[in-house]
């Protein structure tokens, strides 16, 4: 089957040369729900008749994200996930991160092999042992917290909207 690929790209970062052949691009700021609902064709309209939404967005997609950037990334998740549910999208796929559980890397005593799983509570952050790398990359706590927020929101909305809209993280 053929599928239509639609991308939502922030106007400030849009680059025509990076658009895959055949893809349709809607310029919009998913951090701003009001712009998504504008009567002149906001980004939420791109979800009409969509089978799936794959959400990769983060204001700063690296472990050194600040708490302000993390909060903005949380807005992205809230807006995209709720818009997908309101437009009847069947499946939402969220690109999350190992940093939601990265704190287990440093627990003492260490976890036994094969015991890190979804039954454990989150432990955001991944402490780097090399001080130079830690200074450059940060501890990933704010970044991991934004992704954890997205995972929790996905679980909540999945419970509310299933089977019409399902979520995968």
C-alpha atoms as a PDB file:
ATOM      1  CA  UNK A   1       0.000   0.000   0.000  1.00  0.00           C
ATOM      2  CA  UNK A   2       1.014   3.566  -0.671  1.00  0.00           C
ATOM      3  CA  UNK A   3       1.135   6.052   2.150  1.00  0.00           C
ATOM      4  CA  UNK A   4       1.320   9.814   2.166  1.00  0.00           C
ATOM      5  CA  UNK A   5       4.132  11.133   4.337  1.00  0.00           C
ATOM      6  CA  UNK A   6       3.411  14.474   5.943  1.00  0.00           C
ATOM      7  CA  UNK A   7       5.956  16.367   8.008  1.00  0.00           C
ATOM      8  CA  UNK A   8       5.443  19.250  10.387  1.00  0.00           C
ATOM      9  CA  UNK A   9       8.516  21.440  10.449  1.00  0.00           C
ATOM     10  CA  UNK A  10       9.094  24.607  12.444  1.00  0.00           C
ATOM     11  CA  UNK A  11       9.302  27.491   9.958  1.00  0.00           C
ATOM     12  CA  UNK A  12      12.547  28.688  11.549  1.00  0.00           C
ATOM     13  CA  UNK A  13      14.280  25.361  10.865  1.00  0.00           C
ATOM     14  CA  UNK A  14      12.673  24.345   7.575  1.00  0.00           C
ATOM     15  CA  UNK A  15      15.158  23.264   4.909  1.00  0.00           C
ATOM     16  CA  UNK A  16      13.771  22.203   1.523  1.00  0.00           C
ATOM     17  CA  UNK A  17      16.860  20.105   0.768  1.00  0.00           C
ATOM     18  CA  UNK A  18      16.096  17.803   3.734  1.00  0.00           C
ATOM     19  CA  UNK A  19      12.547  16.942   2.656  1.00  0.00           C
ATOM     20  CA  UNK A  20      12.282  13.346   1.436  1.00  0.00           C
ATOM     21  CA  UNK A  21      10.984  12.924  -2.120  1.00  0.00           C
ATOM     22  CA  UNK A  22       7.201  12.810  -2.205  1.00  0.00           C
ATOM     23  CA  UNK A  23       6.738  14.116   1.340  1.00  0.00           C
ATOM     24  CA  UNK A  24       4.311  16.925   2.112  1.00  0.00           C
ATOM     25  CA  UNK A  25       5.496  19.572   4.594  1.00  0.00           C
ATOM     26  CA  UNK A  26       3.348  21.734   6.832  1.00  0.00           C
ATOM     27  CA  UNK A  27       5.240  24.550   8.481  1.00  0.00           C
ATOM     28  CA  UNK A  28       4.184  25.010  12.053  1.00  0.00           C
ATOM     29  CA  UNK A  29       5.263  25.269  15.666  1.00  0.00           C
ATOM     30  CA  UNK A  30       3.964  22.215  17.553  1.00  0.00           C
ATOM     31  CA  UNK A  31       4.852  24.011  20.767  1.00  0.00           C
ATOM     32  CA  UNK A  32       2.060  26.486  20.030  1.00  0.00           C
ATOM     33  CA  UNK A  33      -1.378  24.873  19.944  1.00  0.00           C
ATOM     34  CA  UNK A  34      -3.085  28.134  18.944  1.00  0.00           C
ATOM     35  CA  UNK A  35      -1.032  28.276  15.728  1.00  0.00           C
ATOM     36  CA  UNK A  36      -1.958  24.655  15.106  1.00  0.00           C
ATOM     37  CA  UNK A  37      -5.646  25.515  15.187  1.00  0.00           C
ATOM     38  CA  UNK A  38      -5.555  28.636  13.036  1.00  0.00           C
ATOM     39  CA  UNK A  39      -8.413  28.785  10.545  1.00  0.00           C
ATOM     40  CA  UNK A  40      -6.005  29.403   7.658  1.00  0.00           C
ATOM     41  CA  UNK A  41      -4.566  25.895   7.839  1.00  0.00           C
ATOM     42  CA  UNK A  42      -2.792  25.258  11.108  1.00  0.00           C
ATOM     43  CA  UNK A  43      -0.541  22.244  11.614  1.00  0.00           C
ATOM     44  CA  UNK A  44      -3.284  20.223  13.353  1.00  0.00           C
ATOM     45  CA  UNK A  45      -5.035  19.877   9.970  1.00  0.00           C
ATOM     46  CA  UNK A  46      -2.156  17.701   8.769  1.00  0.00           C
ATOM     47  CA  UNK A  47      -3.480  14.976  11.119  1.00  0.00           C
ATOM     48  CA  UNK A  48      -6.773  14.726   9.240  1.00  0.00           C
ATOM     49  CA  UNK A  49      -7.040  11.253   7.687  1.00  0.00           C
ATOM     50  CA  UNK A  50      -3.630  10.264   9.088  1.00  0.00           C
ATOM     51  CA  UNK A  51      -3.193   6.598   9.972  1.00  0.00           C
ATOM     52  CA  UNK A  52      -0.232   7.293  12.243  1.00  0.00           C
ATOM     53  CA  UNK A  53       1.821  10.070  13.794  1.00  0.00           C
ATOM     54  CA  UNK A  54       5.473   9.533  14.664  1.00  0.00           C
ATOM     55  CA  UNK A  55       6.664  12.115  17.167  1.00  0.00           C
ATOM     56  CA  UNK A  56      10.416  12.800  17.335  1.00  0.00           C
ATOM     57  CA  UNK A  57      10.299  16.433  18.369  1.00  0.00           C
ATOM     58  CA  UNK A  58      12.343  17.935  21.177  1.00  0.00           C
ATOM     59  CA  UNK A  59      13.398  21.550  21.502  1.00  0.00           C
ATOM     60  CA  UNK A  60      16.918  20.333  22.245  1.00  0.00           C
ATOM     61  CA  UNK A  61      17.208  16.652  21.262  1.00  0.00           C
ATOM     62  CA  UNK A  62      20.431  16.159  23.223  1.00  0.00           C
ATOM     63  CA  UNK A  63      21.146  15.164  26.814  1.00  0.00           C
ATOM     64  CA  UNK A  64      22.372  18.676  27.669  1.00  0.00           C
ATOM     65  CA  UNK A  65      18.856  20.151  27.389  1.00  0.00           C
ATOM     66  CA  UNK A  66      18.009  22.828  29.929  1.00  0.00           C
ATOM     67  CA  UNK A  67      14.876  22.742  32.088  1.00  0.00           C
ATOM     68  CA  UNK A  68      13.340  25.507  29.934  1.00  0.00           C
ATOM     69  CA  UNK A  69      13.962  23.410  26.813  1.00  0.00           C
ATOM     70  CA  UNK A  70      12.582  20.362  28.603  1.00  0.00           C
ATOM     71  CA  UNK A  71       9.367  22.228  29.465  1.00  0.00           C
ATOM     72  CA  UNK A  72       8.979  23.294  25.827  1.00  0.00           C
ATOM     73  CA  UNK A  73       9.500  19.681  24.712  1.00  0.00           C
ATOM     74  CA  UNK A  74       6.731  18.654  27.120  1.00  0.00           C
ATOM     75  CA  UNK A  75       4.471  21.190  25.386  1.00  0.00           C
ATOM     76  CA  UNK A  76       5.297  19.517  22.059  1.00  0.00           C
ATOM     77  CA  UNK A  77       4.170  16.131  23.397  1.00  0.00           C
ATOM     78  CA  UNK A  78       0.980  17.512  24.941  1.00  0.00           C
ATOM     79  CA  UNK A  79      -0.005  19.358  21.784  1.00  0.00           C
ATOM     80  CA  UNK A  80       0.875  16.625  19.270  1.00  0.00           C
ATOM     81  CA  UNK A  81      -0.655  13.774  21.290  1.00  0.00           C
ATOM     82  CA  UNK A  82      -3.882  15.636  22.036  1.00  0.00           C
ATOM     83  CA  UNK A  83      -4.201  16.845  18.441  1.00  0.00           C
ATOM     84  CA  UNK A  84      -3.724  13.273  17.191  1.00  0.00           C
ATOM     85  CA  UNK A  85      -6.457  12.005  19.521  1.00  0.00           C
ATOM     86  CA  UNK A  86      -8.841  14.823  18.591  1.00  0.00           C
ATOM     87  CA  UNK A  87      -8.375  14.074  14.871  1.00  0.00           C
ATOM     88  CA  UNK A  88      -8.854  10.315  15.247  1.00  0.00           C
ATOM     89  CA  UNK A  89      -5.329   9.218  14.376  1.00  0.00           C
ATOM     90  CA  UNK A  90      -5.190   5.439  14.902  1.00  0.00           C
ATOM     91  CA  UNK A  91      -1.597   5.084  16.118  1.00  0.00           C
ATOM     92  CA  UNK A  92       0.853   7.498  17.755  1.00  0.00           C
ATOM     93  CA  UNK A  93       4.479   6.417  17.963  1.00  0.00           C
ATOM     94  CA  UNK A  94       6.701   8.337  20.360  1.00  0.00           C
ATOM     95  CA  UNK A  95      10.476   8.292  19.988  1.00  0.00           C
ATOM     96  CA  UNK A  96      11.583   8.260  23.602  1.00  0.00           C
ATOM     97  CA  UNK A  97      15.018   7.645  25.136  1.00  0.00           C
ATOM     98  CA  UNK A  98      16.993   5.338  27.374  1.00  0.00           C
ATOM     99  CA  UNK A  99      17.658   8.393  29.554  1.00  0.00           C
ATOM    100  CA  UNK A 100      14.291   7.825  31.276  1.00  0.00           C
ATOM    101  CA  UNK A 101      15.944   4.829  32.959  1.00  0.00           C
ATOM    102  CA  UNK A 102      19.595   5.887  32.643  1.00  0.00           C
ATOM    103  CA  UNK A 103      20.040   6.463  36.366  1.00  0.00           C
ATOM    104  CA  UNK A 104      20.088   2.712  36.884  1.00  0.00           C
ATOM    105  CA  UNK A 105      23.519   2.661  35.266  1.00  0.00           C
ATOM    106  CA  UNK A 106      24.965   4.062  38.488  1.00  0.00           C
ATOM    107  CA  UNK A 107      23.015   2.263  41.248  1.00  0.00           C
ATOM    108  CA  UNK A 108      24.974   0.513  43.947  1.00  0.00           C
ATOM    109  CA  UNK A 109      24.789  -2.416  44.014  1.00  0.00           C
ATOM    110  CA  UNK A 110      24.372  -2.646  40.227  1.00  0.00           C
ATOM    111  CA  UNK A 111      21.309  -4.320  38.757  1.00  0.00           C
ATOM    112  CA  UNK A 112      21.731  -7.894  37.660  1.00  0.00           C
ATOM    113  CA  UNK A 113      21.728  -8.526  33.910  1.00  0.00           C
ATOM    114  CA  UNK A 114      18.205  -8.754  32.498  1.00  0.00           C
ATOM    115  CA  UNK A 115      16.477  -7.078  35.464  1.00  0.00           C
ATOM    116  CA  UNK A 116      16.011  -3.583  34.001  1.00  0.00           C
ATOM    117  CA  UNK A 117      12.427  -3.583  32.763  1.00  0.00           C
ATOM    118  CA  UNK A 118       9.129  -1.704  32.671  1.00  0.00           C
ATOM    119  CA  UNK A 119       8.203  -2.849  36.186  1.00  0.00           C
ATOM    120  CA  UNK A 120      10.922  -0.616  37.689  1.00  0.00           C
ATOM    121  CA  UNK A 121      10.181   3.042  38.438  1.00  0.00           C
ATOM    122  CA  UNK A 122      11.871   5.622  36.204  1.00  0.00           C
ATOM    123  CA  UNK A 123      15.289   6.911  37.152  1.00  0.00           C
ATOM    124  CA  UNK A 124      16.023   9.738  34.725  1.00  0.00           C
ATOM    125  CA  UNK A 125      19.493  10.873  33.875  1.00  0.00           C
ATOM    126  CA  UNK A 126      22.704   9.245  32.776  1.00  0.00           C
ATOM    127  CA  UNK A 127      25.730  10.391  34.708  1.00  0.00           C
ATOM    128  CA  UNK A 128      28.873  10.365  32.634  1.00  0.00           C
ATOM    129  CA  UNK A 129      31.993   9.382  34.551  1.00  0.00           C
ATOM    130  CA  UNK A 130      34.376  11.470  32.450  1.00  0.00           C
ATOM    131  CA  UNK A 131      34.183  15.052  33.832  1.00  0.00           C
ATOM    132  CA  UNK A 132      35.002  16.584  30.435  1.00  0.00           C
ATOM    133  CA  UNK A 133      32.213  14.618  28.740  1.00  0.00           C
ATOM    134  CA  UNK A 134      29.809  15.450  31.594  1.00  0.00           C
ATOM    135  CA  UNK A 135      30.569  19.156  31.219  1.00  0.00           C
ATOM    136  CA  UNK A 136      29.939  18.992  27.465  1.00  0.00           C
ATOM    137  CA  UNK A 137      26.873  16.725  27.500  1.00  0.00           C
ATOM    138  CA  UNK A 138      25.139  17.316  30.822  1.00  0.00           C
ATOM    139  CA  UNK A 139      23.492  14.679  32.972  1.00  0.00           C
ATOM    140  CA  UNK A 140      20.398  14.242  30.759  1.00  0.00           C
ATOM    141  CA  UNK A 141      17.981  14.710  33.687  1.00  0.00           C
ATOM    142  CA  UNK A 142      15.941  17.514  32.095  1.00  0.00           C
ATOM    143  CA  UNK A 143      15.976  15.781  28.691  1.00  0.00           C
ATOM    144  CA  UNK A 144      14.975  12.450  30.243  1.00  0.00           C
ATOM    145  CA  UNK A 145      12.218  14.131  32.270  1.00  0.00           C
ATOM    146  CA  UNK A 146      10.625  15.545  29.105  1.00  0.00           C
ATOM    147  CA  UNK A 147      10.651  12.114  27.473  1.00  0.00           C
ATOM    148  CA  UNK A 148       9.247  10.534  30.664  1.00  0.00           C
ATOM    149  CA  UNK A 149       6.434  13.100  30.610  1.00  0.00           C
ATOM    150  CA  UNK A 150       5.682  12.053  27.026  1.00  0.00           C
ATOM    151  CA  UNK A 151       5.621   8.373  27.987  1.00  0.00           C
ATOM    152  CA  UNK A 152       3.231   9.044  30.885  1.00  0.00           C
ATOM    153  CA  UNK A 153       0.961  11.232  28.759  1.00  0.00           C
ATOM    154  CA  UNK A 154       0.910   8.520  26.068  1.00  0.00           C
ATOM    155  CA  UNK A 155      -0.144   5.930  28.663  1.00  0.00           C
ATOM    156  CA  UNK A 156      -2.910   8.188  29.966  1.00  0.00           C
ATOM    157  CA  UNK A 157      -4.270   9.091  26.539  1.00  0.00           C
ATOM    158  CA  UNK A 158      -4.059   5.469  25.393  1.00  0.00           C
ATOM    159  CA  UNK A 159      -6.275   4.471  28.312  1.00  0.00           C
ATOM    160  CA  UNK A 160      -8.739   7.249  27.514  1.00  0.00           C
ATOM    161  CA  UNK A 161      -8.863   6.853  23.724  1.00  0.00           C
ATOM    162  CA  UNK A 162      -8.346   3.126  23.081  1.00  0.00           C
ATOM    163  CA  UNK A 163      -9.128   1.428  20.805  1.00  0.00           C
ATOM    164  CA  UNK A 164      -9.621   4.465  18.534  1.00  0.00           C
ATOM    165  CA  UNK A 165      -6.108   5.825  19.180  1.00  0.00           C
ATOM    166  CA  UNK A 166      -3.240   3.694  20.475  1.00  0.00           C
ATOM    167  CA  UNK A 167       0.253   4.699  21.539  1.00  0.00           C
ATOM    168  CA  UNK A 168       3.665   3.062  21.251  1.00  0.00           C
ATOM    169  CA  UNK A 169       6.744   4.402  23.030  1.00  0.00           C
END
